[in-house]
Amino acid sequence: MSFDPQIPDWGKEFTDNRQEKLFKYHSWLKNTGIKSGLISPKSDQFIWDEFVIHSIYFYKIIFDLNLHNIDIYDLGTGGGIPGVPVGLVSNNTVNLIDIKQKRIFELERFLSTHK
């Protein structure tokens, strides 16, 4: 199966100049996320469509409600879904919260080099 990452029309206003960061997150999920057990093995297309794009849609809802300057809390973030993509496409402060320190450690490593 080939990987064909697309941004829906409704998401283009949020992803302009930020697509490269989203691709890096996708790659990180596909590699580090799976290897470290943050997500189960999935195809590239599934990770893009179900994790990245659906997270951006979550931000679209926040945007449409005019909640531009609120803090967002991603409880039980796991692999940073939806918090990391939301943080990459918005100016909101996104707080990633998880009970497992291993998950937070991996997310901090990613964010320290890709934010």
C-alpha atoms as a PDB file:
ATOM      1  CA  MET A   1       0.000   0.000   0.000  1.00  0.00           C
ATOM      2  CA  SER A   2       1.393   3.395  -0.934  1.00  0.00           C
ATOM      3  CA  PHE A   3       1.497   6.357   1.397  1.00  0.00           C
ATOM      4  CA  ASP A   4      -0.362   9.420   0.091  1.00  0.00           C
ATOM      5  CA  PRO A   5      -0.442  12.124   2.784  1.00  0.00           C
ATOM      6  CA  GLN A   6      -3.081  14.720   2.049  1.00  0.00           C
ATOM      7  CA  ILE A   7      -4.419  17.708   3.919  1.00  0.00           C
ATOM      8  CA  PRO A   8      -8.202  18.149   3.529  1.00  0.00           C
ATOM      9  CA  ASP A   9      -9.342  21.565   2.305  1.00  0.00           C
ATOM     10  CA  TRP A  10     -10.693  22.423   5.779  1.00  0.00           C
ATOM     11  CA  GLY A  11      -7.230  21.852   7.263  1.00  0.00           C
ATOM     12  CA  LYS A  12      -5.073  23.831   4.865  1.00  0.00           C
ATOM     13  CA  GLU A  13      -5.456  27.124   6.736  1.00  0.00           C
ATOM     14  CA  PHE A  14      -4.023  25.471   9.862  1.00  0.00           C
ATOM     15  CA  THR A  15      -1.170  23.618   8.198  1.00  0.00           C
ATOM     16  CA  ASP A  16       0.369  26.272   5.942  1.00  0.00           C
ATOM     17  CA  ASN A  17       4.098  26.398   6.687  1.00  0.00           C
ATOM     18  CA  ARG A  18       3.674  23.612   9.257  1.00  0.00           C
ATOM     19  CA  GLN A  19       3.373  20.541   7.073  1.00  0.00           C
ATOM     20  CA  GLU A  20       7.042  19.642   7.509  1.00  0.00           C
ATOM     21  CA  LYS A  21       6.565  19.482  11.282  1.00  0.00           C
ATOM     22  CA  LEU A  22       3.531  17.243  10.829  1.00  0.00           C
ATOM     23  CA  PHE A  23       5.517  14.941   8.520  1.00  0.00           C
ATOM     24  CA  LYS A  24       8.291  14.735  11.126  1.00  0.00           C
ATOM     25  CA  TYR A  25       5.757  13.820  13.795  1.00  0.00           C
ATOM     26  CA  HIS A  26       4.279  11.186  11.482  1.00  0.00           C
ATOM     27  CA  SER A  27       7.733   9.717  10.901  1.00  0.00           C
ATOM     28  CA  TRP A  28       8.477   9.786  14.627  1.00  0.00           C
ATOM     29  CA  LEU A  29       5.211   7.960  15.402  1.00  0.00           C
ATOM     30  CA  LYS A  30       5.917   5.378  12.688  1.00  0.00           C
ATOM     31  CA  ASN A  31       9.402   4.694  14.038  1.00  0.00           C
ATOM     32  CA  THR A  32       9.949   5.688  17.656  1.00  0.00           C
ATOM     33  CA  GLY A  33       6.261   5.581  18.578  1.00  0.00           C
ATOM     34  CA  ILE A  34       5.895   1.978  17.479  1.00  0.00           C
ATOM     35  CA  LYS A  35       9.313   0.816  18.753  1.00  0.00           C
ATOM     36  CA  SER A  36       8.758   2.306  22.195  1.00  0.00           C
ATOM     37  CA  GLY A  37       5.187   1.005  22.450  1.00  0.00           C
ATOM     38  CA  LEU A  38       3.425   4.381  22.323  1.00  0.00           C
ATOM     39  CA  ILE A  39       1.242   3.103  19.487  1.00  0.00           C
ATOM     40  CA  SER A  40       0.683  -0.341  18.019  1.00  0.00           C
ATOM     41  CA  PRO A  41       2.013  -1.097  14.533  1.00  0.00           C
ATOM     42  CA  LYS A  42      -0.024   0.688  11.875  1.00  0.00           C
ATOM     43  CA  SER A  43       0.446   1.569   8.208  1.00  0.00           C
ATOM     44  CA  ASP A  44       1.838   4.961   7.227  1.00  0.00           C
ATOM     45  CA  GLN A  45      -1.518   5.943   5.761  1.00  0.00           C
ATOM     46  CA  PHE A  46      -3.421   4.935   8.896  1.00  0.00           C
ATOM     47  CA  ILE A  47      -1.081   6.974  11.116  1.00  0.00           C
ATOM     48  CA  TRP A  48      -1.476  10.016   8.864  1.00  0.00           C
ATOM     49  CA  ASP A  49      -5.240   9.824   8.398  1.00  0.00           C
ATOM     50  CA  GLU A  50      -6.365   8.586  11.807  1.00  0.00           C
ATOM     51  CA  PHE A  51      -3.838  10.245  14.096  1.00  0.00           C
ATOM     52  CA  VAL A  52      -2.505  13.373  12.382  1.00  0.00           C
ATOM     53  CA  ILE A  53      -5.516  14.513  10.325  1.00  0.00           C
ATOM     54  CA  HIS A  54      -8.104  13.655  12.988  1.00  0.00           C
ATOM     55  CA  SER A  55      -6.045  15.624  15.515  1.00  0.00           C
ATOM     56  CA  ILE A  56      -6.024  18.632  13.209  1.00  0.00           C
ATOM     57  CA  TYR A  57      -9.807  18.336  12.944  1.00  0.00           C
ATOM     58  CA  PHE A  58      -9.968  18.459  16.735  1.00  0.00           C
ATOM     59  CA  TYR A  59      -8.091  21.768  16.536  1.00  0.00           C
ATOM     60  CA  LYS A  60     -10.503  23.000  13.833  1.00  0.00           C
ATOM     61  CA  ILE A  61     -13.343  22.562  16.333  1.00  0.00           C
ATOM     62  CA  ILE A  62     -11.408  24.570  18.930  1.00  0.00           C
ATOM     63  CA  PHE A  63     -10.696  27.246  16.316  1.00  0.00           C
ATOM     64  CA  ASP A  64     -14.324  27.402  15.143  1.00  0.00           C
ATOM     65  CA  LEU A  65     -15.405  27.936  18.763  1.00  0.00           C
ATOM     66  CA  ASN A  66     -13.034  30.945  18.949  1.00  0.00           C
ATOM     67  CA  LEU A  67     -10.972  29.330  21.704  1.00  0.00           C
ATOM     68  CA  HIS A  68      -7.685  30.636  20.314  1.00  0.00           C
ATOM     69  CA  ASN A  69      -5.835  31.539  23.495  1.00  0.00           C
ATOM     70  CA  ILE A  70      -6.811  28.780  25.875  1.00  0.00           C
ATOM     71  CA  ASP A  71      -4.616  26.133  27.417  1.00  0.00           C
ATOM     72  CA  ILE A  72      -5.393  22.676  26.072  1.00  0.00           C
ATOM     73  CA  TYR A  73      -4.905  19.545  28.179  1.00  0.00           C
ATOM     74  CA  ASP A  74      -4.414  16.188  26.466  1.00  0.00           C
ATOM     75  CA  LEU A  75      -5.165  13.716  29.249  1.00  0.00           C
ATOM     76  CA  GLY A  76      -3.797  10.224  28.684  1.00  0.00           C
ATOM     77  CA  THR A  77      -1.840  11.473  25.696  1.00  0.00           C
ATOM     78  CA  GLY A  78      -0.020   8.211  24.938  1.00  0.00           C
ATOM     79  CA  GLY A  79       1.841   9.003  21.740  1.00  0.00           C
ATOM     80  CA  GLY A  80       0.805  12.652  21.809  1.00  0.00           C
ATOM     81  CA  ILE A  81      -2.500  12.172  20.035  1.00  0.00           C
ATOM     82  CA  PRO A  82      -4.183  14.653  19.568  1.00  0.00           C
ATOM     83  CA  GLY A  83      -1.990  17.016  21.599  1.00  0.00           C
ATOM     84  CA  VAL A  84       1.179  17.098  19.493  1.00  0.00           C
ATOM     85  CA  PRO A  85      -0.495  17.796  16.128  1.00  0.00           C
ATOM     86  CA  VAL A  86      -2.730  20.396  17.799  1.00  0.00           C
ATOM     87  CA  GLY A  87       0.352  22.058  19.264  1.00  0.00           C
ATOM     88  CA  LEU A  88       2.133  21.980  15.912  1.00  0.00           C
ATOM     89  CA  VAL A  89      -0.689  23.760  14.056  1.00  0.00           C
ATOM     90  CA  SER A  90      -1.839  26.203  16.735  1.00  0.00           C
ATOM     91  CA  ASN A  91      -0.539  28.896  19.028  1.00  0.00           C
ATOM     92  CA  ASN A  92      -2.382  27.416  21.991  1.00  0.00           C
ATOM     93  CA  THR A  93      -0.417  26.005  24.898  1.00  0.00           C
ATOM     94  CA  VAL A  94      -0.908  22.243  24.828  1.00  0.00           C
ATOM     95  CA  ASN A  95      -0.202  20.239  27.978  1.00  0.00           C
ATOM     96  CA  LEU A  96       0.495  16.539  27.454  1.00  0.00           C
ATOM     97  CA  ILE A  97      -0.429  14.469  30.493  1.00  0.00           C
ATOM     98  CA  ASP A  98       0.098  10.754  30.930  1.00  0.00           C
ATOM     99  CA  ILE A  99       0.515   8.473  33.918  1.00  0.00           C
ATOM    100  CA  LYS A 100       3.454   6.623  32.325  1.00  0.00           C
ATOM    101  CA  GLN A 101       6.740   8.499  32.588  1.00  0.00           C
ATOM    102  CA  LYS A 102       8.162   6.546  29.620  1.00  0.00           C
ATOM    103  CA  ARG A 103       5.580   8.145  27.335  1.00  0.00           C
ATOM    104  CA  ILE A 104       6.302  11.629  28.640  1.00  0.00           C
ATOM    105  CA  PHE A 105      10.058  11.019  28.260  1.00  0.00           C
ATOM    106  CA  GLU A 106       9.675  10.023  24.600  1.00  0.00           C
ATOM    107  CA  LEU A 107       7.361  12.959  23.875  1.00  0.00           C
ATOM    108  CA  GLU A 108       9.755  15.410  25.545  1.00  0.00           C
ATOM    109  CA  ARG A 109      12.608  14.047  23.416  1.00  0.00           C
ATOM    110  CA  PHE A 110      10.573  14.553  20.249  1.00  0.00           C
ATOM    111  CA  LEU A 111       9.375  18.027  21.187  1.00  0.00           C
ATOM    112  CA  SER A 112      12.829  19.225  22.240  1.00  0.00           C
ATOM    113  CA  THR A 113      14.091  18.678  18.705  1.00  0.00           C
ATOM    114  CA  HIS A 114      11.006  19.284  16.558  1.00  0.00           C
ATOM    115  CA  LYS A 115       8.885  22.089  18.037  1.00  0.00           C
END
